[in-house]
Amino acid sequence: MYVGGLDVGTTGCKLSVYTELGEFVYNSYKEYDVSRKNGEHEIDGEAIFSAVCEVFADAAGKYPLSSAGVTTFGETFVVLDNNDNVLLPSMLYTDPRGGDECRDLCEKLGEERLTRISGVKPHSMYSLPKIMWIKNNLPEVYKKIKRIMLIEDFIVYRLCGVAQIDYSLAARTMAFDIREKCWCKEIFTAAGVDVSLMSTPVPTGSKAGVIKPELAKSLGISADTVIVNGAHDQVATAIGAGALKSGEAVDGTGTVECVIPVFDKIPENKTLYEEGYSVVPYAVAGTYVCYALS
């Protein structure tokens, strides 16, 4: 029996295959383009999914998978219409759009309250201000939106048809209540965004379903392959390094360097949030991690 770990990043995705004992056996990687022009930083959701399909066909064709977990980068989201077509290129966290919307949200709810609920200091890098930007600047497109999905739940949905997102990635939207583990209706109401467009939040490691039969057939893989919601990539880094209890920390490097300490409760130190550190629900129930990015 083999299990897969799909990691979707900003420049490429890889599917790593392991035995049931955790022994690494194979890795498949596929790159895709990022557009940086006219001050806009975007990525194509369809190109990402196409690359995901390629690595699945390659890796799972050689090593039949019993399951695969989906881990992705944060903040960036895909908007789908009623037929599940991608409506727009996806803004990366480095895209400057959403600044005015973030300030407007802070004026309505207060920066301190937003931070306390969401665990992040308000900033245009997060998903919600950019969703607001689409509504304000592309109203005709916004009217067509039936689903708003971050990359993890987009991939999971395309693979098995279930719309659910794990807590750690939901926390990268600036609209997730990290204490109650649910979308914050107060924040969505202030933003003027319909919360029903979002996927259902679930704990990290939740089973979503089995891969769609027609997709499994086209990729040449087992229709019994179980798809699992993994986590935001920084949380996956901490789990993989074995930092599972309070007092432990990991220093991970990639697109950014991130120090990730584990807490047994939500830190209440205001200075931590003022300096831009964020707090995210962790895979171990009742615990949290903090992101110190550089």
C-alpha atoms as a PDB file:
ATOM      1  CA  MET A   1       0.000   0.000   0.000  1.00  0.00           C
ATOM      2  CA  TYR A   2       1.241   3.488  -0.892  1.00  0.00           C
ATOM      3  CA  VAL A   3       0.194   6.955   0.252  1.00  0.00           C
ATOM      4  CA  GLY A   4       0.802  10.248  -1.512  1.00  0.00           C
ATOM      5  CA  GLY A   5       1.539  13.755  -0.329  1.00  0.00           C
ATOM      6  CA  LEU A   6       0.653  16.477  -2.821  1.00  0.00           C
ATOM      7  CA  ASP A   7       2.388  19.797  -2.187  1.00  0.00           C
ATOM      8  CA  VAL A   8       1.196  22.699  -4.327  1.00  0.00           C
ATOM      9  CA  GLY A   9       3.504  25.729  -4.305  1.00  0.00           C
ATOM     10  CA  THR A  10       3.630  29.047  -6.115  1.00  0.00           C
ATOM     11  CA  THR A  11       5.924  27.815  -8.921  1.00  0.00           C
ATOM     12  CA  GLY A  12       5.217  24.104  -9.083  1.00  0.00           C
ATOM     13  CA  CYS A  13       3.630  21.059  -7.469  1.00  0.00           C
ATOM     14  CA  LYS A  14       5.014  17.705  -6.441  1.00  0.00           C
ATOM     15  CA  LEU A  15       3.492  14.397  -5.456  1.00  0.00           C
ATOM     16  CA  SER A  16       5.669  12.347  -3.122  1.00  0.00           C
ATOM     17  CA  VAL A  17       4.907   8.656  -2.632  1.00  0.00           C
ATOM     18  CA  TYR A  18       5.588   6.713   0.578  1.00  0.00           C
ATOM     19  CA  THR A  19       5.020   3.193   1.796  1.00  0.00           C
ATOM     20  CA  GLU A  20       2.620   2.635   4.684  1.00  0.00           C
ATOM     21  CA  LEU A  21       5.697   2.605   6.957  1.00  0.00           C
ATOM     22  CA  GLY A  22       6.678   6.106   5.838  1.00  0.00           C
ATOM     23  CA  GLU A  23       9.502   5.117   3.522  1.00  0.00           C
ATOM     24  CA  PHE A  24       9.974   7.511   0.585  1.00  0.00           C
ATOM     25  CA  VAL A  25       9.840   5.772  -2.801  1.00  0.00           C
ATOM     26  CA  TYR A  26       9.091   8.322  -5.538  1.00  0.00           C
ATOM     27  CA  ASN A  27       8.612  11.992  -6.336  1.00  0.00           C
ATOM     28  CA  SER A  28       6.955  13.641  -9.343  1.00  0.00           C
ATOM     29  CA  TYR A  29       7.247  17.392 -10.000  1.00  0.00           C
ATOM     30  CA  LYS A  30       5.687  19.808 -12.472  1.00  0.00           C
ATOM     31  CA  GLU A  31       6.266  23.553 -12.811  1.00  0.00           C
ATOM     32  CA  TYR A  32       3.836  26.257 -13.947  1.00  0.00           C
ATOM     33  CA  ASP A  33       4.118  29.953 -14.698  1.00  0.00           C
ATOM     34  CA  VAL A  34       3.476  32.962 -12.495  1.00  0.00           C
ATOM     35  CA  SER A  35       2.568  36.264 -14.153  1.00  0.00           C
ATOM     36  CA  ARG A  36       4.120  39.449 -12.765  1.00  0.00           C
ATOM     37  CA  LYS A  37       3.265  42.420 -14.973  1.00  0.00           C
ATOM     38  CA  ASN A  38       1.718  45.861 -14.622  1.00  0.00           C
ATOM     39  CA  GLY A  39       2.119  45.529 -10.863  1.00  0.00           C
ATOM     40  CA  GLU A  40      -0.171  42.483 -10.757  1.00  0.00           C
ATOM     41  CA  HIS A  41       1.016  39.087  -9.475  1.00  0.00           C
ATOM     42  CA  GLU A  42      -1.200  36.260 -10.704  1.00  0.00           C
ATOM     43  CA  ILE A  43      -1.344  32.520 -11.214  1.00  0.00           C
ATOM     44  CA  ASP A  44      -3.680  30.387 -13.325  1.00  0.00           C
ATOM     45  CA  GLY A  45      -5.820  27.985 -11.303  1.00  0.00           C
ATOM     46  CA  GLU A  46      -6.431  25.769 -14.328  1.00  0.00           C
ATOM     47  CA  ALA A  47      -2.679  25.501 -14.947  1.00  0.00           C
ATOM     48  CA  ILE A  48      -2.200  24.417 -11.340  1.00  0.00           C
ATOM     49  CA  PHE A  49      -4.845  21.700 -11.611  1.00  0.00           C
ATOM     50  CA  SER A  50      -3.439  20.525 -14.935  1.00  0.00           C
ATOM     51  CA  ALA A  51      -0.026  20.133 -13.279  1.00  0.00           C
ATOM     52  CA  VAL A  52      -1.639  18.273 -10.373  1.00  0.00           C
ATOM     53  CA  CYS A  53      -3.217  15.837 -12.816  1.00  0.00           C
ATOM     54  CA  GLU A  54       0.163  15.263 -14.481  1.00  0.00           C
ATOM     55  CA  VAL A  55       1.956  14.378 -11.256  1.00  0.00           C
ATOM     56  CA  PHE A  56      -0.925  12.120 -10.195  1.00  0.00           C
ATOM     57  CA  ALA A  57      -0.846  10.274 -13.524  1.00  0.00           C
ATOM     58  CA  ASP A  58       2.922   9.880 -13.289  1.00  0.00           C
ATOM     59  CA  ALA A  59       3.349   8.913  -9.624  1.00  0.00           C
ATOM     60  CA  ALA A  60       0.126   7.027  -8.991  1.00  0.00           C
ATOM     61  CA  GLY A  61       0.537   5.190 -12.281  1.00  0.00           C
ATOM     62  CA  LYS A  62       3.781   3.692 -10.963  1.00  0.00           C
ATOM     63  CA  TYR A  63       2.741   3.225  -7.337  1.00  0.00           C
ATOM     64  CA  PRO A  64      -1.004   2.620  -6.778  1.00  0.00           C
ATOM     65  CA  LEU A  65      -2.115   5.007  -4.057  1.00  0.00           C
ATOM     66  CA  SER A  66      -4.587   4.167  -1.343  1.00  0.00           C
ATOM     67  CA  SER A  67      -4.823   7.865  -0.422  1.00  0.00           C
ATOM     68  CA  ALA A  68      -3.340  11.298  -1.074  1.00  0.00           C
ATOM     69  CA  GLY A  69      -3.241  14.384   1.140  1.00  0.00           C
ATOM     70  CA  VAL A  70      -3.349  17.889  -0.336  1.00  0.00           C
ATOM     71  CA  THR A  71      -1.099  20.621   1.074  1.00  0.00           C
ATOM     72  CA  THR A  72      -0.803  24.061  -0.524  1.00  0.00           C
ATOM     73  CA  PHE A  73       0.495  27.587  -0.214  1.00  0.00           C
ATOM     74  CA  GLY A  74      -1.821  30.117   1.425  1.00  0.00           C
ATOM     75  CA  GLU A  75      -3.960  33.213   0.790  1.00  0.00           C
ATOM     76  CA  THR A  76      -4.416  32.773  -2.980  1.00  0.00           C
ATOM     77  CA  PHE A  77      -7.947  31.795  -4.039  1.00  0.00           C
ATOM     78  CA  VAL A  78      -9.819  30.669  -7.142  1.00  0.00           C
ATOM     79  CA  VAL A  79     -13.306  31.886  -8.093  1.00  0.00           C
ATOM     80  CA  LEU A  80     -15.624  29.490  -9.922  1.00  0.00           C
ATOM     81  CA  ASP A  81     -18.895  29.991 -11.769  1.00  0.00           C
ATOM     82  CA  ASN A  82     -21.993  27.791 -11.649  1.00  0.00           C
ATOM     83  CA  ASN A  83     -20.329  25.290 -13.997  1.00  0.00           C
ATOM     84  CA  ASP A  84     -17.114  25.188 -11.929  1.00  0.00           C
ATOM     85  CA  ASN A  85     -15.185  27.181 -14.534  1.00  0.00           C
ATOM     86  CA  VAL A  86     -12.388  29.453 -13.301  1.00  0.00           C
ATOM     87  CA  LEU A  87     -13.513  33.054 -13.808  1.00  0.00           C
ATOM     88  CA  LEU A  88     -10.257  34.953 -13.205  1.00  0.00           C
ATOM     89  CA  PRO A  89      -6.520  34.510 -12.723  1.00  0.00           C
ATOM     90  CA  SER A  90      -5.734  34.187  -9.015  1.00  0.00           C
ATOM     91  CA  MET A  91      -3.975  36.984  -7.127  1.00  0.00           C
ATOM     92  CA  LEU A  92      -0.880  35.957  -5.178  1.00  0.00           C
ATOM     93  CA  TYR A  93      -0.279  37.335  -1.688  1.00  0.00           C
ATOM     94  CA  THR A  94       2.347  39.696  -3.147  1.00  0.00           C
ATOM     95  CA  ASP A  95      -0.239  41.328  -5.436  1.00  0.00           C
ATOM     96  CA  PRO A  96      -0.877  44.884  -4.138  1.00  0.00           C
ATOM     97  CA  ARG A  97      -4.631  44.892  -4.788  1.00  0.00           C
ATOM     98  CA  GLY A  98      -6.927  44.970  -1.749  1.00  0.00           C
ATOM     99  CA  GLY A  99      -5.230  47.736   0.237  1.00  0.00           C
ATOM    100  CA  ASP A 100      -8.199  50.097   0.191  1.00  0.00           C
ATOM    101  CA  GLU A 101     -10.569  47.266   1.022  1.00  0.00           C
ATOM    102  CA  CYS A 102      -8.447  46.189   3.980  1.00  0.00           C
ATOM    103  CA  ARG A 103      -8.465  49.740   5.362  1.00  0.00           C
ATOM    104  CA  ASP A 104     -12.240  49.910   4.882  1.00  0.00           C
ATOM    105  CA  LEU A 105     -12.709  46.680   6.824  1.00  0.00           C
ATOM    106  CA  CYS A 106     -10.519  47.983   9.650  1.00  0.00           C
ATOM    107  CA  GLU A 107     -12.601  51.158   9.832  1.00  0.00           C
ATOM    108  CA  LYS A 108     -15.784  49.095  10.148  1.00  0.00           C
ATOM    109  CA  LEU A 109     -14.657  46.533  12.714  1.00  0.00           C
ATOM    110  CA  GLY A 110     -11.446  47.893  14.180  1.00  0.00           C
ATOM    111  CA  GLU A 111      -7.995  46.441  13.613  1.00  0.00           C
ATOM    112  CA  GLU A 112      -7.758  44.988  17.105  1.00  0.00           C
ATOM    113  CA  ARG A 113     -11.072  43.122  16.835  1.00  0.00           C
ATOM    114  CA  LEU A 114     -10.207  41.769  13.390  1.00  0.00           C
ATOM    115  CA  THR A 115      -6.878  40.558  14.704  1.00  0.00           C
ATOM    116  CA  ARG A 116      -8.366  38.904  17.775  1.00  0.00           C
ATOM    117  CA  ILE A 117     -10.941  36.984  15.745  1.00  0.00           C
ATOM    118  CA  SER A 118      -8.785  35.979  12.786  1.00  0.00           C
ATOM    119  CA  GLY A 119      -5.370  35.620  14.439  1.00  0.00           C
ATOM    120  CA  VAL A 120      -3.713  37.834  11.834  1.00  0.00           C
ATOM    121  CA  LYS A 121      -2.892  41.519  11.653  1.00  0.00           C
ATOM    122  CA  PRO A 122      -5.089  42.948   8.847  1.00  0.00           C
ATOM    123  CA  HIS A 123      -3.202  43.211   5.563  1.00  0.00           C
ATOM    124  CA  SER A 124      -4.034  43.211   1.868  1.00  0.00           C
ATOM    125  CA  MET A 125      -2.012  40.003   1.405  1.00  0.00           C
ATOM    126  CA  TYR A 126      -4.877  37.946   2.830  1.00  0.00           C
ATOM    127  CA  SER A 127      -7.770  36.561   0.814  1.00  0.00           C
ATOM    128  CA  LEU A 128     -10.707  38.630   2.048  1.00  0.00           C
ATOM    129  CA  PRO A 129      -9.497  42.110   0.993  1.00  0.00           C
ATOM    130  CA  LYS A 130      -8.773  40.734  -2.480  1.00  0.00           C
ATOM    131  CA  ILE A 131     -12.238  39.160  -2.670  1.00  0.00           C
ATOM    132  CA  MET A 132     -13.614  42.593  -1.759  1.00  0.00           C
ATOM    133  CA  TRP A 133     -11.462  44.128  -4.509  1.00  0.00           C
ATOM    134  CA  ILE A 134     -13.087  41.846  -7.093  1.00  0.00           C
ATOM    135  CA  LYS A 135     -16.544  42.823  -5.854  1.00  0.00           C
ATOM    136  CA  ASN A 136     -15.702  46.541  -5.998  1.00  0.00           C
ATOM    137  CA  ASN A 137     -13.805  46.576  -9.289  1.00  0.00           C
ATOM    138  CA  LEU A 138     -15.202  43.646 -11.282  1.00  0.00           C
ATOM    139  CA  PRO A 139     -18.869  43.564 -10.221  1.00  0.00           C
ATOM    140  CA  GLU A 140     -20.034  41.660 -13.311  1.00  0.00           C
ATOM    141  CA  VAL A 141     -17.521  38.913 -12.609  1.00  0.00           C
ATOM    142  CA  TYR A 142     -18.388  38.882  -8.914  1.00  0.00           C
ATOM    143  CA  LYS A 143     -22.057  38.290  -9.733  1.00  0.00           C
ATOM    144  CA  LYS A 144     -21.096  35.063 -11.516  1.00  0.00           C
ATOM    145  CA  ILE A 145     -19.143  33.631  -8.582  1.00  0.00           C
ATOM    146  CA  LYS A 146     -20.658  30.482  -7.054  1.00  0.00           C
ATOM    147  CA  ARG A 147     -17.595  29.258  -5.163  1.00  0.00           C
ATOM    148  CA  ILE A 148     -14.554  30.940  -3.624  1.00  0.00           C
ATOM    149  CA  MET A 149     -11.843  28.389  -2.909  1.00  0.00           C
ATOM    150  CA  LEU A 150      -8.271  28.597  -1.712  1.00  0.00           C
ATOM    151  CA  ILE A 151      -5.886  26.342  -3.583  1.00  0.00           C
ATOM    152  CA  GLU A 152      -6.235  23.372  -1.212  1.00  0.00           C
ATOM    153  CA  ASP A 153     -10.014  23.145  -1.338  1.00  0.00           C
ATOM    154  CA  PHE A 154      -9.991  23.934  -5.068  1.00  0.00           C
ATOM    155  CA  ILE A 155      -7.737  20.941  -5.739  1.00  0.00           C
ATOM    156  CA  VAL A 156      -9.681  18.705  -3.342  1.00  0.00           C
ATOM    157  CA  TYR A 157     -12.956  19.779  -4.973  1.00  0.00           C
ATOM    158  CA  ARG A 158     -11.659  19.156  -8.486  1.00  0.00           C
ATOM    159  CA  LEU A 159     -10.330  15.739  -7.449  1.00  0.00           C
ATOM    160  CA  CYS A 160     -13.326  14.380  -5.551  1.00  0.00           C
ATOM    161  CA  GLY A 161     -16.176  16.911  -5.730  1.00  0.00           C
ATOM    162  CA  VAL A 162     -16.232  17.801  -2.008  1.00  0.00           C
ATOM    163  CA  ALA A 163     -15.867  21.467  -1.018  1.00  0.00           C
ATOM    164  CA  GLN A 164     -14.027  21.551   2.289  1.00  0.00           C
ATOM    165  CA  ILE A 165     -10.979  23.419   3.586  1.00  0.00           C
ATOM    166  CA  ASP A 166      -8.811  22.645   6.593  1.00  0.00           C
ATOM    167  CA  TYR A 167      -8.663  25.056   9.536  1.00  0.00           C
ATOM    168  CA  SER A 168      -5.050  26.107   9.001  1.00  0.00           C
ATOM    169  CA  LEU A 169      -5.575  27.267   5.425  1.00  0.00           C
ATOM    170  CA  ALA A 170      -8.934  28.882   6.222  1.00  0.00           C
ATOM    171  CA  ALA A 171      -7.037  30.986   8.779  1.00  0.00           C
ATOM    172  CA  ARG A 172      -5.056  32.591   5.923  1.00  0.00           C
ATOM    173  CA  THR A 173      -8.159  34.411   4.662  1.00  0.00           C
ATOM    174  CA  MET A 174      -8.430  37.006   7.495  1.00  0.00           C
ATOM    175  CA  ALA A 175     -12.040  35.841   7.905  1.00  0.00           C
ATOM    176  CA  PHE A 176     -11.777  32.664   9.984  1.00  0.00           C
ATOM    177  CA  ASP A 177     -12.525  32.590  13.708  1.00  0.00           C
ATOM    178  CA  ILE A 178      -9.517  30.739  15.132  1.00  0.00           C
ATOM    179  CA  ARG A 179     -11.252  30.170  18.491  1.00  0.00           C
ATOM    180  CA  GLU A 180     -14.577  28.843  17.233  1.00  0.00           C
ATOM    181  CA  LYS A 181     -13.017  27.133  14.176  1.00  0.00           C
ATOM    182  CA  CYS A 182     -15.576  28.554  11.742  1.00  0.00           C
ATOM    183  CA  TRP A 183     -16.033  31.354   9.227  1.00  0.00           C
ATOM    184  CA  CYS A 184     -16.759  34.616  11.033  1.00  0.00           C
ATOM    185  CA  LYS A 185     -20.117  35.889   9.789  1.00  0.00           C
ATOM    186  CA  GLU A 186     -19.481  39.288  11.382  1.00  0.00           C
ATOM    187  CA  ILE A 187     -16.378  39.791   9.249  1.00  0.00           C
ATOM    188  CA  PHE A 188     -18.056  38.566   6.066  1.00  0.00           C
ATOM    189  CA  THR A 189     -21.037  40.848   6.680  1.00  0.00           C
ATOM    190  CA  ALA A 190     -18.738  43.850   7.164  1.00  0.00           C
ATOM    191  CA  ALA A 191     -16.909  42.904   3.967  1.00  0.00           C
ATOM    192  CA  GLY A 192     -20.152  42.536   2.019  1.00  0.00           C
ATOM    193  CA  VAL A 193     -19.188  39.017   0.952  1.00  0.00           C
ATOM    194  CA  ASP A 194     -21.548  36.026   1.061  1.00  0.00           C
ATOM    195  CA  VAL A 195     -20.030  33.470   3.438  1.00  0.00           C
ATOM    196  CA  SER A 196     -21.947  30.666   1.691  1.00  0.00           C
ATOM    197  CA  LEU A 197     -19.502  30.981  -1.217  1.00  0.00           C
ATOM    198  CA  MET A 198     -16.772  29.503   0.983  1.00  0.00           C
ATOM    199  CA  SER A 199     -15.972  25.816   1.528  1.00  0.00           C
ATOM    200  CA  THR A 200     -16.811  23.997   4.766  1.00  0.00           C
ATOM    201  CA  PRO A 201     -13.970  24.223   7.346  1.00  0.00           C
ATOM    202  CA  VAL A 202     -12.705  20.872   8.675  1.00  0.00           C
ATOM    203  CA  PRO A 203      -9.821  19.712  10.888  1.00  0.00           C
ATOM    204  CA  THR A 204      -6.456  19.120   9.262  1.00  0.00           C
ATOM    205  CA  GLY A 205      -6.253  15.546   7.964  1.00  0.00           C
ATOM    206  CA  SER A 206      -9.970  15.142   7.260  1.00  0.00           C
ATOM    207  CA  LYS A 207     -11.050  12.705   4.570  1.00  0.00           C
ATOM    208  CA  ALA A 208     -12.868  14.440   1.712  1.00  0.00           C
ATOM    209  CA  GLY A 209     -13.861  11.497  -0.463  1.00  0.00           C
ATOM    210  CA  VAL A 210     -12.572   9.263  -3.256  1.00  0.00           C
ATOM    211  CA  ILE A 211     -11.291  10.567  -6.564  1.00  0.00           C
ATOM    212  CA  LYS A 212     -13.950  11.076  -9.232  1.00  0.00           C
ATOM    213  CA  PRO A 213     -14.359   7.891 -11.313  1.00  0.00           C
ATOM    214  CA  GLU A 214     -14.058   9.683 -14.647  1.00  0.00           C
ATOM    215  CA  LEU A 215     -10.929  11.537 -13.502  1.00  0.00           C
ATOM    216  CA  ALA A 216      -9.372   8.349 -12.148  1.00  0.00           C
ATOM    217  CA  LYS A 217      -9.982   6.678 -15.490  1.00  0.00           C
ATOM    218  CA  SER A 218      -8.455   9.525 -17.496  1.00  0.00           C
ATOM    219  CA  LEU A 219      -5.363   9.581 -15.251  1.00  0.00           C
ATOM    220  CA  GLY A 220      -5.019   5.819 -15.162  1.00  0.00           C
ATOM    221  CA  ILE A 221      -5.208   5.518 -11.391  1.00  0.00           C
ATOM    222  CA  SER A 222      -7.404   3.676  -8.913  1.00  0.00           C
ATOM    223  CA  ALA A 223     -10.947   4.989  -8.444  1.00  0.00           C
ATOM    224  CA  ASP A 224     -10.640   3.965  -4.784  1.00  0.00           C
ATOM    225  CA  THR A 225      -7.937   6.569  -4.052  1.00  0.00           C
ATOM    226  CA  VAL A 226      -9.000   8.580  -1.001  1.00  0.00           C
ATOM    227  CA  ILE A 227      -8.436  12.358  -1.082  1.00  0.00           C
ATOM    228  CA  VAL A 228      -7.576  14.043   2.222  1.00  0.00           C
ATOM    229  CA  ASN A 229      -7.437  17.710   3.220  1.00  0.00           C
ATOM    230  CA  GLY A 230      -3.883  18.300   4.348  1.00  0.00           C
ATOM    231  CA  ALA A 231      -2.881  21.733   5.614  1.00  0.00           C
ATOM    232  CA  HIS A 232      -1.317  25.076   4.860  1.00  0.00           C
ATOM    233  CA  ASP A 233       2.257  24.322   3.808  1.00  0.00           C
ATOM    234  CA  GLN A 234       3.799  25.904   6.925  1.00  0.00           C
ATOM    235  CA  VAL A 235       1.701  23.665   9.176  1.00  0.00           C
ATOM    236  CA  ALA A 236       2.730  20.668   7.070  1.00  0.00           C
ATOM    237  CA  THR A 237       6.369  21.680   7.598  1.00  0.00           C
ATOM    238  CA  ALA A 238       5.929  21.634  11.379  1.00  0.00           C
ATOM    239  CA  ILE A 239       4.122  18.277  11.324  1.00  0.00           C
ATOM    240  CA  GLY A 240       6.731  16.720   9.058  1.00  0.00           C
ATOM    241  CA  ALA A 241       9.561  17.908  11.297  1.00  0.00           C
ATOM    242  CA  GLY A 242       7.882  16.350  14.336  1.00  0.00           C
ATOM    243  CA  ALA A 243       7.058  19.538  16.255  1.00  0.00           C
ATOM    244  CA  LEU A 244       3.818  18.394  17.852  1.00  0.00           C
ATOM    245  CA  LYS A 245       3.722  19.869  21.363  1.00  0.00           C
ATOM    246  CA  SER A 246       4.016  23.216  23.103  1.00  0.00           C
ATOM    247  CA  GLY A 247       7.577  24.483  23.419  1.00  0.00           C
ATOM    248  CA  GLU A 248       8.760  22.917  20.171  1.00  0.00           C
ATOM    249  CA  ALA A 249       9.454  24.928  17.019  1.00  0.00           C
ATOM    250  CA  VAL A 250      10.587  24.495  13.427  1.00  0.00           C
ATOM    251  CA  ASP A 251      12.542  26.792  11.092  1.00  0.00           C
ATOM    252  CA  GLY A 252      11.277  26.144   7.570  1.00  0.00           C
ATOM    253  CA  THR A 253      12.590  27.647   4.335  1.00  0.00           C
ATOM    254  CA  GLY A 254      11.050  27.906   0.891  1.00  0.00           C
ATOM    255  CA  THR A 255       9.547  30.946  -0.836  1.00  0.00           C
ATOM    256  CA  VAL A 256       9.933  32.538   2.605  1.00  0.00           C
ATOM    257  CA  GLU A 257      11.666  31.557   5.833  1.00  0.00           C
ATOM    258  CA  CYS A 258       9.228  30.833   8.635  1.00  0.00           C
ATOM    259  CA  VAL A 259       9.881  29.991  12.280  1.00  0.00           C
ATOM    260  CA  ILE A 260       6.917  27.982  13.606  1.00  0.00           C
ATOM    261  CA  PRO A 261       6.565  27.534  17.394  1.00  0.00           C
ATOM    262  CA  VAL A 262       3.783  25.376  18.856  1.00  0.00           C
ATOM    263  CA  PHE A 263       1.469  26.666  21.627  1.00  0.00           C
ATOM    264  CA  ASP A 264      -1.048  24.814  23.800  1.00  0.00           C
ATOM    265  CA  LYS A 265      -3.362  27.851  23.680  1.00  0.00           C
ATOM    266  CA  ILE A 266      -3.804  31.063  21.714  1.00  0.00           C
ATOM    267  CA  PRO A 267      -1.048  33.597  22.618  1.00  0.00           C
ATOM    268  CA  GLU A 268      -2.500  36.806  24.065  1.00  0.00           C
ATOM    269  CA  ASN A 269       0.637  38.951  23.673  1.00  0.00           C
ATOM    270  CA  LYS A 270      -0.493  42.049  21.722  1.00  0.00           C
ATOM    271  CA  THR A 271       3.053  42.852  20.618  1.00  0.00           C
ATOM    272  CA  LEU A 272       3.194  39.552  18.762  1.00  0.00           C
ATOM    273  CA  TYR A 273       0.233  40.534  16.578  1.00  0.00           C
ATOM    274  CA  GLU A 274       1.348  44.153  16.209  1.00  0.00           C
ATOM    275  CA  GLU A 275       4.622  42.909  14.716  1.00  0.00           C
ATOM    276  CA  GLY A 276       2.710  40.942  12.085  1.00  0.00           C
ATOM    277  CA  TYR A 277       2.997  37.449  13.545  1.00  0.00           C
ATOM    278  CA  SER A 278      -0.035  35.253  12.928  1.00  0.00           C
ATOM    279  CA  VAL A 279      -1.671  32.449  14.920  1.00  0.00           C
ATOM    280  CA  VAL A 280      -3.126  29.390  13.220  1.00  0.00           C
ATOM    281  CA  PRO A 281      -5.038  26.305  14.465  1.00  0.00           C
ATOM    282  CA  TYR A 282      -2.692  23.317  14.448  1.00  0.00           C
ATOM    283  CA  ALA A 283      -3.187  19.682  13.497  1.00  0.00           C
ATOM    284  CA  VAL A 284      -3.142  18.526  17.125  1.00  0.00           C
ATOM    285  CA  ALA A 285      -6.585  19.382  18.564  1.00  0.00           C
ATOM    286  CA  GLY A 286      -6.528  22.358  20.926  1.00  0.00           C
ATOM    287  CA  THR A 287      -3.063  23.561  19.905  1.00  0.00           C
ATOM    288  CA  TYR A 288      -1.900  26.445  17.728  1.00  0.00           C
ATOM    289  CA  VAL A 289       1.184  27.510  15.847  1.00  0.00           C
ATOM    290  CA  CYS A 290       2.587  30.968  15.267  1.00  0.00           C
ATOM    291  CA  TYR A 291       4.213  32.117  12.015  1.00  0.00           C
ATOM    292  CA  ALA A 292       7.294  34.327  12.245  1.00  0.00           C
ATOM    293  CA  LEU A 293       7.950  35.129   8.587  1.00  0.00           C
ATOM    294  CA  SER A 294      10.987  36.736   7.010  1.00  0.00           C
END
